[in-house]
Amino acid sequence: MNLEERKRQNGLRLVEDHIGRHLKESEKTGELQAAPSFGKPLDFGEGYFETPADLRMGYKVLKDGGYVPPEVELMQQIETLRRSLADQPDAADAPAKHLCLAEMRQKLAMQLEQLRGNSAT
């Protein structure tokens, strides 16, 4: 084990010790048992298990931080445009919107396929 790896291992051990101390302290004070989620399964949120395993943690961190993955943002844009077309199917700009919608759907399909390909490796 090289020096960098030993430093990393020591750092992880220190973090684990720190977390362990806080958990023990919280357990003694009853803080853990007072939490509404105490003793219940973790709620990972909608779509967590549908997300490729190697992307789950990163996407969860983004979601918890209030950020949306680009694919989800594109899905939201597609839905907004689809609703606009449904509300005004005969609008003058409907043909351009249909073209844009088709392009967005194609882009989304390629992004999702790329994600599937990346998670298979």
PDB file of N, CA and C in Angstrom:
ATOM      1  N   MET A   1       0.844  -1.167   0.000  1.00  0.00           N
ATOM      2  CA  MET A   1       0.000   0.000   0.000  1.00  0.00           C
ATOM      3  C   MET A   1       0.897   1.240   0.000  1.00  0.00           C
ATOM      4  N   ASN A   2       0.641   2.121  -0.956  1.00  0.00           N
ATOM      5  CA  ASN A   2       1.476   3.326  -1.050  1.00  0.00           C
ATOM      6  C   ASN A   2       1.031   4.383  -0.039  1.00  0.00           C
ATOM      7  N   LEU A   3       1.788   5.443   0.038  1.00  0.00           N
ATOM      8  CA  LEU A   3       1.554   6.497   1.020  1.00  0.00           C
ATOM      9  C   LEU A   3       0.180   7.151   0.825  1.00  0.00           C
ATOM     10  N   GLU A   4      -0.178   7.433  -0.419  1.00  0.00           N
ATOM     11  CA  GLU A   4      -1.469   8.068  -0.695  1.00  0.00           C
ATOM     12  C   GLU A   4      -2.624   7.181  -0.236  1.00  0.00           C
ATOM     13  N   GLU A   5      -2.502   5.902  -0.500  1.00  0.00           N
ATOM     14  CA  GLU A   5      -3.564   4.964  -0.109  1.00  0.00           C
ATOM     15  C   GLU A   5      -3.669   4.889   1.418  1.00  0.00           C
ATOM     16  N   ARG A   6      -2.548   4.884   2.112  1.00  0.00           N
ATOM     17  CA  ARG A   6      -2.566   4.855   3.581  1.00  0.00           C
ATOM     18  C   ARG A   6      -3.212   6.117   4.144  1.00  0.00           C
ATOM     19  N   LYS A   7      -2.892   7.276   3.540  1.00  0.00           N
ATOM     20  CA  LYS A   7      -3.497   8.534   3.982  1.00  0.00           C
ATOM     21  C   LYS A   7      -5.010   8.489   3.799  1.00  0.00           C
ATOM     22  N   ARG A   8      -5.427   7.970   2.669  1.00  0.00           N
ATOM     23  CA  ARG A   8      -6.852   7.874   2.387  1.00  0.00           C
ATOM     24  C   ARG A   8      -7.535   6.952   3.386  1.00  0.00           C
ATOM     25  N   GLN A   9      -6.932   5.812   3.656  1.00  0.00           N
ATOM     26  CA  GLN A   9      -7.489   4.852   4.617  1.00  0.00           C
ATOM     27  C   GLN A   9      -7.574   5.473   6.017  1.00  0.00           C
ATOM     28  N   ASN A  10      -6.524   6.180   6.432  1.00  0.00           N
ATOM     29  CA  ASN A  10      -6.527   6.829   7.740  1.00  0.00           C
ATOM     30  C   ASN A  10      -7.615   7.902   7.818  1.00  0.00           C
ATOM     31  N   GLY A  11      -7.772   8.645   6.739  1.00  0.00           N
ATOM     32  CA  GLY A  11      -8.816   9.673   6.698  1.00  0.00           C
ATOM     33  C   GLY A  11     -10.199   9.065   6.819  1.00  0.00           C
ATOM     34  N   LEU A  12     -10.417   7.966   6.111  1.00  0.00           N
ATOM     35  CA  LEU A  12     -11.707   7.285   6.193  1.00  0.00           C
ATOM     36  C   LEU A  12     -11.959   6.757   7.602  1.00  0.00           C
ATOM     37  N   ARG A  13     -10.924   6.227   8.209  1.00  0.00           N
ATOM     38  CA  ARG A  13     -11.053   5.690   9.560  1.00  0.00           C
ATOM     39  C   ARG A  13     -11.413   6.811  10.546  1.00  0.00           C
ATOM     40  N   LEU A  14     -10.787   7.975  10.380  1.00  0.00           N
ATOM     41  CA  LEU A  14     -11.094   9.114  11.247  1.00  0.00           C
ATOM     42  C   LEU A  14     -12.546   9.567  11.073  1.00  0.00           C
ATOM     43  N   VAL A  15     -13.005   9.604   9.843  1.00  0.00           N
ATOM     44  CA  VAL A  15     -14.387   9.995   9.574  1.00  0.00           C
ATOM     45  C   VAL A  15     -15.343   8.976  10.191  1.00  0.00           C
ATOM     46  N   GLU A  16     -15.041   7.687  10.009  1.00  0.00           N
ATOM     47  CA  GLU A  16     -15.890   6.644  10.579  1.00  0.00           C
ATOM     48  C   GLU A  16     -15.922   6.741  12.107  1.00  0.00           C
ATOM     49  N   ASP A  17     -14.779   7.002  12.730  1.00  0.00           N
ATOM     50  CA  ASP A  17     -14.734   7.159  14.183  1.00  0.00           C
ATOM     51  C   ASP A  17     -15.578   8.360  14.622  1.00  0.00           C
ATOM     52  N   HIS A  18     -15.461   9.452  13.892  1.00  0.00           N
ATOM     53  CA  HIS A  18     -16.223  10.667  14.199  1.00  0.00           C
ATOM     54  C   HIS A  18     -17.722  10.392  14.096  1.00  0.00           C
ATOM     55  N   ILE A  19     -18.124   9.737  13.024  1.00  0.00           N
ATOM     56  CA  ILE A  19     -19.543   9.408  12.827  1.00  0.00           C
ATOM     57  C   ILE A  19     -20.005   8.463  13.937  1.00  0.00           C
ATOM     58  N   GLY A  20     -19.184   7.483  14.250  1.00  0.00           N
ATOM     59  CA  GLY A  20     -19.531   6.524  15.294  1.00  0.00           C
ATOM     60  C   GLY A  20     -19.748   7.202  16.643  1.00  0.00           C
ATOM     61  N   ARG A  21     -18.886   8.133  16.973  1.00  0.00           N
ATOM     62  CA  ARG A  21     -19.029   8.858  18.244  1.00  0.00           C
ATOM     63  C   ARG A  21     -20.339   9.642  18.291  1.00  0.00           C
ATOM     64  N   HIS A  22     -20.656  10.309  17.193  1.00  0.00           N
ATOM     65  CA  HIS A  22     -21.897  11.083  17.156  1.00  0.00           C
ATOM     66  C   HIS A  22     -23.122  10.180  17.219  1.00  0.00           C
ATOM     67  N   LEU A  23     -23.070   9.033  16.566  1.00  0.00           N
ATOM     68  CA  LEU A  23     -24.201   8.106  16.627  1.00  0.00           C
ATOM     69  C   LEU A  23     -24.405   7.588  18.052  1.00  0.00           C
ATOM     70  N   LYS A  24     -23.312   7.244  18.728  1.00  0.00           N
ATOM     71  CA  LYS A  24     -23.428   6.772  20.111  1.00  0.00           C
ATOM     72  C   LYS A  24     -24.004   7.861  21.008  1.00  0.00           C
ATOM     73  N   GLU A  25     -23.529   9.085  20.822  1.00  0.00           N
ATOM     74  CA  GLU A  25     -24.023  10.205  21.625  1.00  0.00           C
ATOM     75  C   GLU A  25     -25.511  10.437  21.363  1.00  0.00           C
ATOM     76  N   SER A  26     -25.913  10.382  20.091  1.00  0.00           N
ATOM     77  CA  SER A  26     -27.315  10.579  19.729  1.00  0.00           C
ATOM     78  C   SER A  26     -28.188   9.464  20.279  1.00  0.00           C
ATOM     79  N   GLU A  27     -27.642   8.272  20.303  1.00  0.00           N
ATOM     80  CA  GLU A  27     -28.386   7.134  20.835  1.00  0.00           C
ATOM     81  C   GLU A  27     -28.611   7.303  22.346  1.00  0.00           C
ATOM     82  N   LYS A  28     -27.591   7.760  23.050  1.00  0.00           N
ATOM     83  CA  LYS A  28     -27.700   7.957  24.503  1.00  0.00           C
ATOM     84  C   LYS A  28     -28.727   9.033  24.852  1.00  0.00           C
ATOM     85  N   THR A  29     -28.763  10.107  24.062  1.00  0.00           N
ATOM     86  CA  THR A  29     -29.674  11.215  24.359  1.00  0.00           C
ATOM     87  C   THR A  29     -31.095  10.953  23.855  1.00  0.00           C
ATOM     88  N   GLY A  30     -31.279   9.913  23.062  1.00  0.00           N
ATOM     89  CA  GLY A  30     -32.602   9.611  22.528  1.00  0.00           C
ATOM     90  C   GLY A  30     -32.936  10.365  21.263  1.00  0.00           C
ATOM     91  N   GLU A  31     -31.968  11.105  20.756  1.00  0.00           N
ATOM     92  CA  GLU A  31     -32.198  11.903  19.553  1.00  0.00           C
ATOM     93  C   GLU A  31     -32.560  11.021  18.356  1.00  0.00           C
ATOM     94  N   LEU A  32     -31.900   9.883  18.231  1.00  0.00           N
ATOM     95  CA  LEU A  32     -32.177   8.993  17.099  1.00  0.00           C
ATOM     96  C   LEU A  32     -33.604   8.451  17.150  1.00  0.00           C
ATOM     97  N   GLN A  33     -34.031   8.000  18.322  1.00  0.00           N
ATOM     98  CA  GLN A  33     -35.364   7.418  18.456  1.00  0.00           C
ATOM     99  C   GLN A  33     -36.464   8.450  18.228  1.00  0.00           C
ATOM    100  N   ALA A  34     -36.151   9.726  18.421  1.00  0.00           N
ATOM    101  CA  ALA A  34     -37.135  10.786  18.237  1.00  0.00           C
ATOM    102  C   ALA A  34     -37.335  11.144  16.756  1.00  0.00           C
ATOM    103  N   ALA A  35     -36.434  10.694  15.912  1.00  0.00           N
ATOM    104  CA  ALA A  35     -36.549  11.012  14.485  1.00  0.00           C
ATOM    105  C   ALA A  35     -37.774  10.318  13.895  1.00  0.00           C
ATOM    106  N   PRO A  36     -38.544  11.005  13.038  1.00  0.00           N
ATOM    107  CA  PRO A  36     -39.761  10.408  12.469  1.00  0.00           C
ATOM    108  C   PRO A  36     -39.485   9.151  11.641  1.00  0.00           C
ATOM    109  N   SER A  37     -38.301   9.042  11.086  1.00  0.00           N
ATOM    110  CA  SER A  37     -37.989   7.891  10.238  1.00  0.00           C
ATOM    111  C   SER A  37     -37.319   6.754  11.002  1.00  0.00           C
ATOM    112  N   PHE A  38     -37.173   6.897  12.328  1.00  0.00           N
ATOM    113  CA  PHE A  38     -36.477   5.881  13.120  1.00  0.00           C
ATOM    114  C   PHE A  38     -37.177   4.529  12.991  1.00  0.00           C
ATOM    115  N   GLY A  39     -36.397   3.507  12.662  1.00  0.00           N
ATOM    116  CA  GLY A  39     -36.922   2.143  12.574  1.00  0.00           C
ATOM    117  C   GLY A  39     -37.675   1.843  11.298  1.00  0.00           C
ATOM    118  N   LYS A  40     -37.708   2.775  10.382  1.00  0.00           N
ATOM    119  CA  LYS A  40     -38.430   2.584   9.122  1.00  0.00           C
ATOM    120  C   LYS A  40     -37.425   2.424   7.987  1.00  0.00           C
ATOM    121  N   PRO A  41     -37.836   1.749   6.910  1.00  0.00           N
ATOM    122  CA  PRO A  41     -36.929   1.620   5.762  1.00  0.00           C
ATOM    123  C   PRO A  41     -36.595   2.990   5.188  1.00  0.00           C
ATOM    124  N   LEU A  42     -35.412   3.101   4.640  1.00  0.00           N
ATOM    125  CA  LEU A  42     -35.007   4.362   4.017  1.00  0.00           C
ATOM    126  C   LEU A  42     -35.857   4.637   2.788  1.00  0.00           C
ATOM    127  N   ASP A  43     -36.213   5.885   2.598  1.00  0.00           N
ATOM    128  CA  ASP A  43     -36.957   6.292   1.413  1.00  0.00           C
ATOM    129  C   ASP A  43     -35.968   6.925   0.444  1.00  0.00           C
ATOM    130  N   PHE A  44     -35.643   6.182  -0.602  1.00  0.00           N
ATOM    131  CA  PHE A  44     -34.667   6.673  -1.572  1.00  0.00           C
ATOM    132  C   PHE A  44     -35.296   7.581  -2.611  1.00  0.00           C
ATOM    133  N   GLY A  45     -36.608   7.640  -2.637  1.00  0.00           N
ATOM    134  CA  GLY A  45     -37.284   8.508  -3.589  1.00  0.00           C
ATOM    135  C   GLY A  45     -37.687   7.771  -4.842  1.00  0.00           C
ATOM    136  N   GLU A  46     -38.546   8.423  -5.574  1.00  0.00           N
ATOM    137  CA  GLU A  46     -39.087   7.842  -6.795  1.00  0.00           C
ATOM    138  C   GLU A  46     -37.990   7.690  -7.851  1.00  0.00           C
ATOM    139  N   GLY A  47     -37.948   6.546  -8.488  1.00  0.00           N
ATOM    140  CA  GLY A  47     -37.023   6.312  -9.583  1.00  0.00           C
ATOM    141  C   GLY A  47     -35.641   5.842  -9.175  1.00  0.00           C
ATOM    142  N   TYR A  48     -35.392   5.734  -7.883  1.00  0.00           N
ATOM    143  CA  TYR A  48     -34.046   5.358  -7.423  1.00  0.00           C
ATOM    144  C   TYR A  48     -33.630   3.999  -7.976  1.00  0.00           C
ATOM    145  N   PHE A  49     -34.490   3.015  -7.839  1.00  0.00           N
ATOM    146  CA  PHE A  49     -34.106   1.668  -8.260  1.00  0.00           C
ATOM    147  C   PHE A  49     -34.204   1.483  -9.776  1.00  0.00           C
ATOM    148  N   GLU A  50     -34.863   2.403 -10.465  1.00  0.00           N
ATOM    149  CA  GLU A  50     -34.919   2.354 -11.922  1.00  0.00           C
ATOM    150  C   GLU A  50     -33.665   2.967 -12.543  1.00  0.00           C
ATOM    151  N   THR A  51     -32.923   3.709 -11.742  1.00  0.00           N
ATOM    152  CA  THR A  51     -31.690   4.350 -12.191  1.00  0.00           C
ATOM    153  C   THR A  51     -30.567   3.322 -12.195  1.00  0.00           C
ATOM    154  N   PRO A  52     -29.714   3.312 -13.229  1.00  0.00           N
ATOM    155  CA  PRO A  52     -28.580   2.378 -13.228  1.00  0.00           C
ATOM    156  C   PRO A  52     -27.776   2.496 -11.937  1.00  0.00           C
ATOM    157  N   ALA A  53     -27.373   1.352 -11.398  1.00  0.00           N
ATOM    158  CA  ALA A  53     -26.729   1.292 -10.078  1.00  0.00           C
ATOM    159  C   ALA A  53     -25.532   2.230  -9.955  1.00  0.00           C
ATOM    160  N   ASP A  54     -24.726   2.345 -10.998  1.00  0.00           N
ATOM    161  CA  ASP A  54     -23.524   3.176 -10.894  1.00  0.00           C
ATOM    162  C   ASP A  54     -23.828   4.675 -10.950  1.00  0.00           C
ATOM    163  N   LEU A  55     -25.073   5.046 -11.247  1.00  0.00           N
ATOM    164  CA  LEU A  55     -25.453   6.457 -11.287  1.00  0.00           C
ATOM    165  C   LEU A  55     -26.319   6.863 -10.104  1.00  0.00           C
ATOM    166  N   ARG A  56     -26.812   5.896  -9.347  1.00  0.00           N
ATOM    167  CA  ARG A  56     -27.778   6.179  -8.284  1.00  0.00           C
ATOM    168  C   ARG A  56     -27.286   7.189  -7.266  1.00  0.00           C
ATOM    169  N   MET A  57     -26.126   6.964  -6.720  1.00  0.00           N
ATOM    170  CA  MET A  57     -25.654   7.837  -5.640  1.00  0.00           C
ATOM    171  C   MET A  57     -25.456   9.267  -6.136  1.00  0.00           C
ATOM    172  N   GLY A  58     -24.843   9.408  -7.296  1.00  0.00           N
ATOM    173  CA  GLY A  58     -24.629  10.751  -7.843  1.00  0.00           C
ATOM    174  C   GLY A  58     -25.934  11.474  -8.100  1.00  0.00           C
ATOM    175  N   TYR A  59     -26.898  10.776  -8.684  1.00  0.00           N
ATOM    176  CA  TYR A  59     -28.194  11.392  -8.955  1.00  0.00           C
ATOM    177  C   TYR A  59     -28.932  11.705  -7.662  1.00  0.00           C
ATOM    178  N   LYS A  60     -28.792  10.847  -6.659  1.00  0.00           N
ATOM    179  CA  LYS A  60     -29.437  11.089  -5.365  1.00  0.00           C
ATOM    180  C   LYS A  60     -28.853  12.360  -4.720  1.00  0.00           C
ATOM    181  N   VAL A  61     -27.548  12.501  -4.795  1.00  0.00           N
ATOM    182  CA  VAL A  61     -26.903  13.700  -4.239  1.00  0.00           C
ATOM    183  C   VAL A  61     -27.395  14.945  -4.980  1.00  0.00           C
ATOM    184  N   LEU A  62     -27.464  14.859  -6.306  1.00  0.00           N
ATOM    185  CA  LEU A  62     -27.966  15.990  -7.085  1.00  0.00           C
ATOM    186  C   LEU A  62     -29.403  16.325  -6.703  1.00  0.00           C
ATOM    187  N   LYS A  63     -30.245  15.298  -6.595  1.00  0.00           N
ATOM    188  CA  LYS A  63     -31.648  15.505  -6.251  1.00  0.00           C
ATOM    189  C   LYS A  63     -31.776  16.143  -4.875  1.00  0.00           C
ATOM    190  N   ASP A  64     -31.049  15.613  -3.901  1.00  0.00           N
ATOM    191  CA  ASP A  64     -31.108  16.158  -2.551  1.00  0.00           C
ATOM    192  C   ASP A  64     -30.602  17.596  -2.498  1.00  0.00           C
ATOM    193  N   GLY A  65     -29.724  17.953  -3.421  1.00  0.00           N
ATOM    194  CA  GLY A  65     -29.203  19.319  -3.490  1.00  0.00           C
ATOM    195  C   GLY A  65     -30.073  20.246  -4.315  1.00  0.00           C
ATOM    196  N   GLY A  66     -31.183  19.717  -4.825  1.00  0.00           N
ATOM    197  CA  GLY A  66     -32.106  20.546  -5.589  1.00  0.00           C
ATOM    198  C   GLY A  66     -31.792  20.639  -7.072  1.00  0.00           C
ATOM    199  N   TYR A  67     -30.880  19.807  -7.551  1.00  0.00           N
ATOM    200  CA  TYR A  67     -30.540  19.807  -8.975  1.00  0.00           C
ATOM    201  C   TYR A  67     -31.211  18.635  -9.664  1.00  0.00           C
ATOM    202  N   VAL A  68     -31.486  18.817 -10.932  1.00  0.00           N
ATOM    203  CA  VAL A  68     -32.157  17.790 -11.716  1.00  0.00           C
ATOM    204  C   VAL A  68     -31.189  17.302 -12.799  1.00  0.00           C
ATOM    205  N   PRO A  69     -31.089  15.978 -12.999  1.00  0.00           N
ATOM    206  CA  PRO A  69     -30.240  15.476 -14.079  1.00  0.00           C
ATOM    207  C   PRO A  69     -30.722  16.033 -15.431  1.00  0.00           C
ATOM    208  N   PRO A  70     -29.816  16.192 -16.372  1.00  0.00           N
ATOM    209  CA  PRO A  70     -30.194  16.774 -17.662  1.00  0.00           C
ATOM    210  C   PRO A  70     -31.313  16.005 -18.359  1.00  0.00           C
ATOM    211  N   GLU A  71     -31.332  14.677 -18.189  1.00  0.00           N
ATOM    212  CA  GLU A  71     -32.367  13.876 -18.838  1.00  0.00           C
ATOM    213  C   GLU A  71     -33.749  14.197 -18.260  1.00  0.00           C
ATOM    214  N   VAL A  72     -33.820  14.390 -16.972  1.00  0.00           N
ATOM    215  CA  VAL A  72     -35.101  14.719 -16.331  1.00  0.00           C
ATOM    216  C   VAL A  72     -35.543  16.121 -16.733  1.00  0.00           C
ATOM    217  N   GLU A  73     -34.600  17.036 -16.794  1.00  0.00           N
ATOM    218  CA  GLU A  73     -34.929  18.394 -17.227  1.00  0.00           C
ATOM    219  C   GLU A  73     -35.481  18.379 -18.655  1.00  0.00           C
ATOM    220  N   LEU A  74     -34.875  17.566 -19.504  1.00  0.00           N
ATOM    221  CA  LEU A  74     -35.355  17.447 -20.883  1.00  0.00           C
ATOM    222  C   LEU A  74     -36.750  16.823 -20.911  1.00  0.00           C
ATOM    223  N   MET A  75     -36.998  15.835 -20.062  1.00  0.00           N
ATOM    224  CA  MET A  75     -38.341  15.231 -19.979  1.00  0.00           C
ATOM    225  C   MET A  75     -39.372  16.285 -19.579  1.00  0.00           C
ATOM    226  N   GLN A  76     -39.006  17.161 -18.656  1.00  0.00           N
ATOM    227  CA  GLN A  76     -39.917  18.215 -18.225  1.00  0.00           C
ATOM    228  C   GLN A  76     -40.187  19.195 -19.363  1.00  0.00           C
ATOM    229  N   GLN A  77     -39.176  19.532 -20.127  1.00  0.00           N
ATOM    230  CA  GLN A  77     -39.347  20.438 -21.262  1.00  0.00           C
ATOM    231  C   GLN A  77     -40.235  19.801 -22.328  1.00  0.00           C
ATOM    232  N   ILE A  78     -40.034  18.504 -22.557  1.00  0.00           N
ATOM    233  CA  ILE A  78     -40.854  17.784 -23.537  1.00  0.00           C
ATOM    234  C   ILE A  78     -42.320  17.817 -23.106  1.00  0.00           C
ATOM    235  N   GLU A  79     -42.569  17.571 -21.834  1.00  0.00           N
ATOM    236  CA  GLU A  79     -43.949  17.574 -21.330  1.00  0.00           C
ATOM    237  C   GLU A  79     -44.584  18.954 -21.445  1.00  0.00           C
ATOM    238  N   THR A  80     -43.825  19.988 -21.147  1.00  0.00           N
ATOM    239  CA  THR A  80     -44.340  21.351 -21.272  1.00  0.00           C
ATOM    240  C   THR A  80     -44.714  21.652 -22.721  1.00  0.00           C
ATOM    241  N   LEU A  81     -43.855  21.282 -23.646  1.00  0.00           N
ATOM    242  CA  LEU A  81     -44.124  21.520 -25.065  1.00  0.00           C
ATOM    243  C   LEU A  81     -45.301  20.674 -25.544  1.00  0.00           C
ATOM    244  N   ARG A  82     -45.375  19.430 -25.077  1.00  0.00           N
ATOM    245  CA  ARG A  82     -46.486  18.548 -25.463  1.00  0.00           C
ATOM    246  C   ARG A  82     -47.822  19.137 -24.999  1.00  0.00           C
ATOM    247  N   ARG A  83     -47.852  19.643 -23.775  1.00  0.00           N
ATOM    248  CA  ARG A  83     -49.080  20.264 -23.251  1.00  0.00           C
ATOM    249  C   ARG A  83     -49.450  21.517 -24.038  1.00  0.00           C
ATOM    250  N   SER A  84     -48.455  22.284 -24.399  1.00  0.00           N
ATOM    251  CA  SER A  84     -48.699  23.486 -25.191  1.00  0.00           C
ATOM    252  C   SER A  84     -49.351  23.121 -26.524  1.00  0.00           C
ATOM    253  N   LEU A  85     -48.854  22.068 -27.135  1.00  0.00           N
ATOM    254  CA  LEU A  85     -49.428  21.618 -28.407  1.00  0.00           C
ATOM    255  C   LEU A  85     -50.838  21.057 -28.217  1.00  0.00           C
ATOM    256  N   ALA A  86     -51.070  20.380 -27.106  1.00  0.00           N
ATOM    257  CA  ALA A  86     -52.396  19.831 -26.834  1.00  0.00           C
ATOM    258  C   ALA A  86     -53.410  20.954 -26.591  1.00  0.00           C
ATOM    259  N   ASP A  87     -52.966  22.017 -25.931  1.00  0.00           N
ATOM    260  CA  ASP A  87     -53.855  23.142 -25.642  1.00  0.00           C
ATOM    261  C   ASP A  87     -54.161  23.978 -26.882  1.00  0.00           C
ATOM    262  N   GLN A  88     -53.191  24.094 -27.795  1.00  0.00           N
ATOM    263  CA  GLN A  88     -53.365  24.919 -28.997  1.00  0.00           C
ATOM    264  C   GLN A  88     -52.871  24.149 -30.230  1.00  0.00           C
ATOM    265  N   PRO A  89     -53.590  23.103 -30.620  1.00  0.00           N
ATOM    266  CA  PRO A  89     -53.122  22.277 -31.739  1.00  0.00           C
ATOM    267  C   PRO A  89     -53.104  23.005 -33.085  1.00  0.00           C
ATOM    268  N   ASP A  90     -53.909  24.049 -33.224  1.00  0.00           N
ATOM    269  CA  ASP A  90     -53.998  24.759 -34.507  1.00  0.00           C
ATOM    270  C   ASP A  90     -53.230  26.076 -34.517  1.00  0.00           C
ATOM    271  N   ALA A  91     -52.379  26.289 -33.536  1.00  0.00           N
ATOM    272  CA  ALA A  91     -51.618  27.542 -33.466  1.00  0.00           C
ATOM    273  C   ALA A  91     -50.702  27.652 -34.684  1.00  0.00           C
ATOM    274  N   ALA A  92     -50.385  28.875 -35.028  1.00  0.00           N
ATOM    275  CA  ALA A  92     -49.545  29.118 -36.206  1.00  0.00           C
ATOM    276  C   ALA A  92     -48.168  28.484 -36.070  1.00  0.00           C
ATOM    277  N   ASP A  93     -47.668  28.406 -34.849  1.00  0.00           N
ATOM    278  CA  ASP A  93     -46.331  27.841 -34.651  1.00  0.00           C
ATOM    279  C   ASP A  93     -46.355  26.340 -34.321  1.00  0.00           C
ATOM    280  N   ALA A  94     -47.523  25.705 -34.459  1.00  0.00           N
ATOM    281  CA  ALA A  94     -47.651  24.277 -34.128  1.00  0.00           C
ATOM    282  C   ALA A  94     -46.691  23.397 -34.945  1.00  0.00           C
ATOM    283  N   PRO A  95     -46.554  23.611 -36.265  1.00  0.00           N
ATOM    284  CA  PRO A  95     -45.623  22.753 -37.014  1.00  0.00           C
ATOM    285  C   PRO A  95     -44.174  22.849 -36.492  1.00  0.00           C
ATOM    286  N   ALA A  96     -43.757  24.054 -36.157  1.00  0.00           N
ATOM    287  CA  ALA A  96     -42.400  24.234 -35.622  1.00  0.00           C
ATOM    288  C   ALA A  96     -42.270  23.563 -34.258  1.00  0.00           C
ATOM    289  N   LYS A  97     -43.321  23.665 -33.452  1.00  0.00           N
ATOM    290  CA  LYS A  97     -43.305  23.023 -32.139  1.00  0.00           C
ATOM    291  C   LYS A  97     -43.265  21.495 -32.274  1.00  0.00           C
ATOM    292  N   HIS A  98     -44.012  20.947 -33.242  1.00  0.00           N
ATOM    293  CA  HIS A  98     -43.989  19.495 -33.478  1.00  0.00           C
ATOM    294  C   HIS A  98     -42.584  19.031 -33.864  1.00  0.00           C
ATOM    295  N   LEU A  99     -41.939  19.802 -34.703  1.00  0.00           N
ATOM    296  CA  LEU A  99     -40.575  19.477 -35.110  1.00  0.00           C
ATOM    297  C   LEU A  99     -39.635  19.534 -33.906  1.00  0.00           C
ATOM    298  N   CYS A 100     -39.770  20.573 -33.124  1.00  0.00           N
ATOM    299  CA  CYS A 100     -38.940  20.728 -31.929  1.00  0.00           C
ATOM    300  C   CYS A 100     -39.182  19.570 -30.957  1.00  0.00           C
ATOM    301  N   LEU A 101     -40.448  19.193 -30.787  1.00  0.00           N
ATOM    302  CA  LEU A 101     -40.797  18.090 -29.902  1.00  0.00           C
ATOM    303  C   LEU A 101     -40.162  16.788 -30.371  1.00  0.00           C
ATOM    304  N   ALA A 102     -40.205  16.542 -31.667  1.00  0.00           N
ATOM    305  CA  ALA A 102     -39.592  15.327 -32.211  1.00  0.00           C
ATOM    306  C   ALA A 102     -38.081  15.327 -31.987  1.00  0.00           C
ATOM    307  N   GLU A 103     -37.460  16.467 -32.178  1.00  0.00           N
ATOM    308  CA  GLU A 103     -36.010  16.566 -31.958  1.00  0.00           C
ATOM    309  C   GLU A 103     -35.654  16.354 -30.492  1.00  0.00           C
ATOM    310  N   MET A 104     -36.454  16.920 -29.591  1.00  0.00           N
ATOM    311  CA  MET A 104     -36.206  16.759 -28.162  1.00  0.00           C
ATOM    312  C   MET A 104     -36.367  15.287 -27.741  1.00  0.00           C
ATOM    313  N   ARG A 105     -37.385  14.630 -28.287  1.00  0.00           N
ATOM    314  CA  ARG A 105     -37.595  13.218 -27.957  1.00  0.00           C
ATOM    315  C   ARG A 105     -36.432  12.364 -28.470  1.00  0.00           C
ATOM    316  N   GLN A 106     -35.948  12.692 -29.646  1.00  0.00           N
ATOM    317  CA  GLN A 106     -34.802  11.954 -30.194  1.00  0.00           C
ATOM    318  C   GLN A 106     -33.561  12.175 -29.330  1.00  0.00           C
ATOM    319  N   LYS A 107     -33.353  13.408 -28.923  1.00  0.00           N
ATOM    320  CA  LYS A 107     -32.210  13.731 -28.067  1.00  0.00           C
ATOM    321  C   LYS A 107     -32.310  12.973 -26.743  1.00  0.00           C
ATOM    322  N   LEU A 108     -33.498  12.944 -26.164  1.00  0.00           N
ATOM    323  CA  LEU A 108     -33.707  12.219 -24.915  1.00  0.00           C
ATOM    324  C   LEU A 108     -33.429  10.727 -25.098  1.00  0.00           C
ATOM    325  N   ALA A 109     -33.922  10.168 -26.185  1.00  0.00           N
ATOM    326  CA  ALA A 109     -33.695   8.742 -26.448  1.00  0.00           C
ATOM    327  C   ALA A 109     -32.201   8.441 -26.549  1.00  0.00           C
ATOM    328  N   MET A 110     -31.462   9.315 -27.200  1.00  0.00           N
ATOM    329  CA  MET A 110     -30.014   9.098 -27.326  1.00  0.00           C
ATOM    330  C   MET A 110     -29.321   9.235 -25.967  1.00  0.00           C
ATOM    331  N   GLN A 111     -29.734  10.205 -25.168  1.00  0.00           N
ATOM    332  CA  GLN A 111     -29.134  10.377 -23.843  1.00  0.00           C
ATOM    333  C   GLN A 111     -29.407   9.164 -22.959  1.00  0.00           C
ATOM    334  N   LEU A 112     -30.642   8.657 -22.987  1.00  0.00           N
ATOM    335  CA  LEU A 112     -30.981   7.487 -22.177  1.00  0.00           C
ATOM    336  C   LEU A 112     -30.235   6.245 -22.658  1.00  0.00           C
ATOM    337  N   GLU A 113     -30.101   6.112 -23.950  1.00  0.00           N
ATOM    338  CA  GLU A 113     -29.352   4.969 -24.492  1.00  0.00           C
ATOM    339  C   GLU A 113     -27.885   5.051 -24.087  1.00  0.00           C
ATOM    340  N   GLN A 114     -27.342   6.248 -24.113  1.00  0.00           N
ATOM    341  CA  GLN A 114     -25.953   6.429 -23.688  1.00  0.00           C
ATOM    342  C   GLN A 114     -25.791   6.060 -22.219  1.00  0.00           C
ATOM    343  N   LEU A 115     -26.742   6.447 -21.384  1.00  0.00           N
ATOM    344  CA  LEU A 115     -26.694   6.086 -19.967  1.00  0.00           C
ATOM    345  C   LEU A 115     -26.750   4.572 -19.787  1.00  0.00           C
ATOM    346  N   ARG A 116     -27.625   3.919 -20.539  1.00  0.00           N
ATOM    347  CA  ARG A 116     -27.725   2.456 -20.453  1.00  0.00           C
ATOM    348  C   ARG A 116     -26.407   1.814 -20.862  1.00  0.00           C
ATOM    349  N   GLY A 117     -25.798   2.358 -21.911  1.00  0.00           N
ATOM    350  CA  GLY A 117     -24.525   1.826 -22.392  1.00  0.00           C
ATOM    351  C   GLY A 117     -23.411   2.032 -21.381  1.00  0.00           C
ATOM    352  N   ASN A 118     -23.372   3.201 -20.770  1.00  0.00           N
ATOM    353  CA  ASN A 118     -22.347   3.489 -19.766  1.00  0.00           C
ATOM    354  C   ASN A 118     -22.489   2.637 -18.533  1.00  0.00           C
ATOM    355  N   SER A 119     -23.721   2.336 -18.143  1.00  0.00           N
ATOM    356  CA  SER A 119     -23.911   1.560 -16.917  1.00  0.00           C
ATOM    357  C   SER A 119     -23.652   0.084 -17.144  1.00  0.00           C
ATOM    358  N   ALA A 120     -23.636  -0.360 -18.392  1.00  0.00           N
ATOM    359  CA  ALA A 120     -23.361  -1.774 -18.690  1.00  0.00           C
ATOM    360  C   ALA A 120     -21.890  -2.086 -18.610  1.00  0.00           C
ATOM    361  N   THR A 121     -21.042  -1.068 -18.693  1.00  0.00           N
ATOM    362  CA  THR A 121     -19.590  -1.303 -18.664  1.00  0.00           C
ATOM    363  C   THR A 121     -19.037  -1.251 -17.278  1.00  0.00           C
TER     364      THR A 121
END
